[in-house]
Amino acid sequence: MRKTCTCGNLLSDTTVPNNIVYWTYPKNEEHLLLERFSGSYNRLSQTAIWHCPKCHRFYYWAKDWNLYTYKIDESSSFDLKSINWSENENKYYSYNDFDENEMMNQFKNQGTLNFPVVAHFDLETKTIIVKTKGQILVYVIEDIQPLSRE
């Protein structure tokens, strides 16, 4: 599938591996993810989030038949200290194909997993806080497009 980002960058999942699709899982399935990396293929609540490497927007095709576009909120007043990253029920783990290869090697060599992207979804504000490689970014909904059911 292909999609043109709001910034004009062409996004595609046709090349594998790619750095566009981030496979995202809820925190309550962390144990299943660990089992998967150890060779057990169990059923997970996998969600594909598309990320634009040029402008850093991301796209989420939701079960409510809407496409949500999120952008970085440069002027956010969200209280980042209020997030308990270790005990967060609205926490998600995410990685792309390249990250998965690194994670697999790490798991084989060390028996541990460090997820490159950890996200917190604030239900009240619909804000998403993304923690990745030493930085924390706040994302807000930029656009919601209804999808065709055909």
Protein backbone atom coordinates (compact mmCIF):
# COMPACT_ATOMS: atom_id res chain seq x y z
CA MET A 1 0.00 0.00 0.00
CA ARG A 2 1.13 3.57 -0.60
CA LYS A 3 0.16 6.88 0.93
CA THR A 4 1.36 10.41 0.34
CA CYS A 5 2.11 12.13 3.63
CA THR A 6 0.76 15.61 4.32
CA CYS A 7 4.33 16.89 3.79
CA GLY A 8 4.42 15.34 0.29
CA ASN A 9 6.69 12.39 1.14
CA LEU A 10 5.59 9.09 -0.42
CA LEU A 11 5.12 6.36 2.20
CA SER A 12 4.95 2.68 1.27
CA ASP A 13 4.96 -0.70 2.96
CA THR A 14 5.82 -2.58 -0.24
CA THR A 15 9.54 -2.86 0.52
CA VAL A 16 10.49 -5.20 3.35
CA PRO A 17 12.25 -4.41 5.56
CA ASN A 18 11.14 -0.78 5.82
CA ASN A 19 11.28 2.09 8.30
CA ILE A 20 7.72 3.30 7.61
CA VAL A 21 5.58 0.72 9.41
CA TYR A 22 5.93 0.51 13.18
CA TRP A 23 4.40 -2.60 14.72
CA THR A 24 2.73 -1.48 17.93
CA TYR A 25 1.59 -3.56 20.90
CA PRO A 26 -0.15 -2.76 24.19
CA LYS A 27 1.82 -3.06 27.45
CA ASN A 28 -0.45 -5.85 28.71
CA GLU A 29 1.00 -8.08 25.95
CA GLU A 30 4.63 -7.48 26.88
CA HIS A 31 5.02 -11.08 28.07
CA LEU A 32 3.69 -12.33 24.70
CA LEU A 33 6.22 -10.14 22.87
CA LEU A 34 9.01 -11.65 24.94
CA GLU A 35 7.71 -15.12 24.08
CA ARG A 36 7.64 -14.18 20.39
CA PHE A 37 11.27 -13.07 20.46
CA SER A 38 12.17 -16.38 22.07
CA GLY A 39 10.55 -18.30 19.19
CA SER A 40 6.94 -18.81 20.26
CA TYR A 41 4.43 -17.52 17.72
CA ASN A 42 1.42 -16.41 19.68
CA ARG A 43 -1.45 -14.13 18.78
CA LEU A 44 -0.86 -10.45 19.55
CA SER A 45 -2.94 -7.29 19.18
CA GLN A 46 -0.60 -5.88 16.56
CA THR A 47 -1.34 -2.43 15.13
CA ALA A 48 0.50 -0.96 12.15
CA ILE A 49 1.37 2.71 12.61
CA TRP A 50 2.91 4.47 9.63
CA HIS A 51 5.65 7.01 10.37
CA CYS A 52 6.96 9.63 7.97
CA PRO A 53 10.73 9.87 8.34
CA LYS A 54 10.70 13.34 6.75
CA CYS A 55 8.20 15.29 8.94
CA HIS A 56 7.63 12.68 11.72
CA ARG A 57 3.85 12.62 11.36
CA PHE A 58 2.24 9.28 11.91
CA TYR A 59 -0.88 7.65 10.60
CA TYR A 60 -3.21 5.25 12.38
CA TRP A 61 -5.96 3.35 10.54
CA ALA A 62 -8.41 2.79 13.38
CA LYS A 63 -11.09 0.17 13.86
CA ASP A 64 -13.67 2.99 13.88
CA TRP A 65 -13.08 3.38 10.09
CA ASN A 66 -11.09 6.60 10.43
CA LEU A 67 -7.54 7.48 9.45
CA TYR A 68 -5.93 9.56 12.20
CA THR A 69 -3.01 11.83 11.37
CA TYR A 70 -0.83 12.90 14.30
CA LYS A 71 1.78 15.64 14.25
CA ILE A 72 4.37 16.83 16.74
CA ASP A 73 3.04 19.53 19.06
CA GLU A 74 5.92 21.97 19.47
CA SER A 75 4.03 24.12 21.97
CA SER A 76 2.67 21.36 24.18
CA SER A 77 1.87 22.11 27.78
CA PHE A 78 1.36 18.43 28.58
CA ASP A 79 2.77 17.54 31.99
CA LEU A 80 5.39 14.95 31.04
CA LYS A 81 6.26 14.35 34.70
CA SER A 82 2.77 12.98 35.26
CA ILE A 83 3.55 9.90 33.17
CA ASN A 84 4.64 6.84 35.10
CA TRP A 85 6.42 5.02 32.27
CA SER A 86 6.91 1.79 34.23
CA GLU A 87 3.34 1.36 35.53
CA ASN A 88 1.33 2.81 32.68
CA GLU A 89 -1.78 0.96 31.49
CA ASN A 90 -2.00 3.15 28.37
CA LYS A 91 1.54 2.29 27.33
CA TYR A 92 2.50 0.80 23.97
CA TYR A 93 5.68 -0.69 22.53
CA SER A 94 6.58 -0.07 18.92
CA TYR A 95 9.33 -0.98 16.46
CA ASN A 96 9.96 -1.15 12.73
CA ASP A 97 11.59 -3.92 10.68
CA PHE A 98 15.13 -2.60 11.20
CA ASP A 99 14.59 -2.23 14.94
CA GLU A 100 13.27 -5.80 15.05
CA ASN A 101 16.54 -7.15 13.63
CA GLU A 102 18.54 -5.26 16.28
CA MET A 103 16.14 -6.41 19.00
CA MET A 104 16.43 -10.03 17.88
CA ASN A 105 20.23 -9.86 18.10
CA GLN A 106 20.03 -8.21 21.51
CA PHE A 107 17.61 -10.87 22.75
CA LYS A 108 19.86 -13.69 21.49
CA ASN A 109 22.99 -12.16 23.05
CA GLN A 110 21.61 -10.74 26.31
CA GLY A 111 18.17 -12.32 26.85
CA THR A 112 16.57 -8.89 27.25
CA LEU A 113 14.55 -6.54 25.08
CA ASN A 114 14.76 -2.78 24.92
CA PHE A 115 11.93 -1.39 22.85
CA PRO A 116 13.11 1.54 20.71
CA VAL A 117 9.76 3.34 20.92
CA VAL A 118 7.51 3.51 23.96
CA ALA A 119 4.28 5.50 23.73
CA HIS A 120 1.69 6.70 26.21
CA PHE A 121 -1.84 7.46 25.01
CA ASP A 122 -3.67 10.05 27.09
CA LEU A 123 -7.35 9.12 26.81
CA GLU A 124 -8.61 12.47 28.02
CA THR A 125 -6.74 14.70 25.56
CA LYS A 126 -6.14 12.13 22.78
CA THR A 127 -2.49 13.14 23.04
CA ILE A 128 0.27 10.62 22.39
CA ILE A 129 3.62 10.98 24.10
CA VAL A 130 6.42 9.10 22.38
CA LYS A 131 9.69 8.24 24.07
CA THR A 132 12.40 7.24 21.64
CA LYS A 133 16.20 7.24 21.68
CA GLY A 134 16.56 9.69 24.54
CA GLN A 135 13.88 12.15 23.50
CA ILE A 136 10.22 12.63 24.35
CA LEU A 137 7.83 14.00 21.73
CA VAL A 138 4.20 15.05 22.18
CA TYR A 139 1.83 14.31 19.32
CA VAL A 140 -1.67 15.69 18.75
CA ILE A 141 -4.34 14.84 16.20
CA GLU A 142 -3.92 16.92 13.08
CA ASP A 143 -6.63 15.33 10.94
CA ILE A 144 -9.28 12.61 10.97
CA GLN A 145 -10.41 11.21 7.63
CA PRO A 146 -13.31 8.77 7.33
CA LEU A 147 -12.37 5.63 5.43
CA SER A 148 -14.46 3.94 2.80
CA ARG A 149 -16.01 0.65 3.92
CA GLU A 150 -15.86 -0.75 0.38
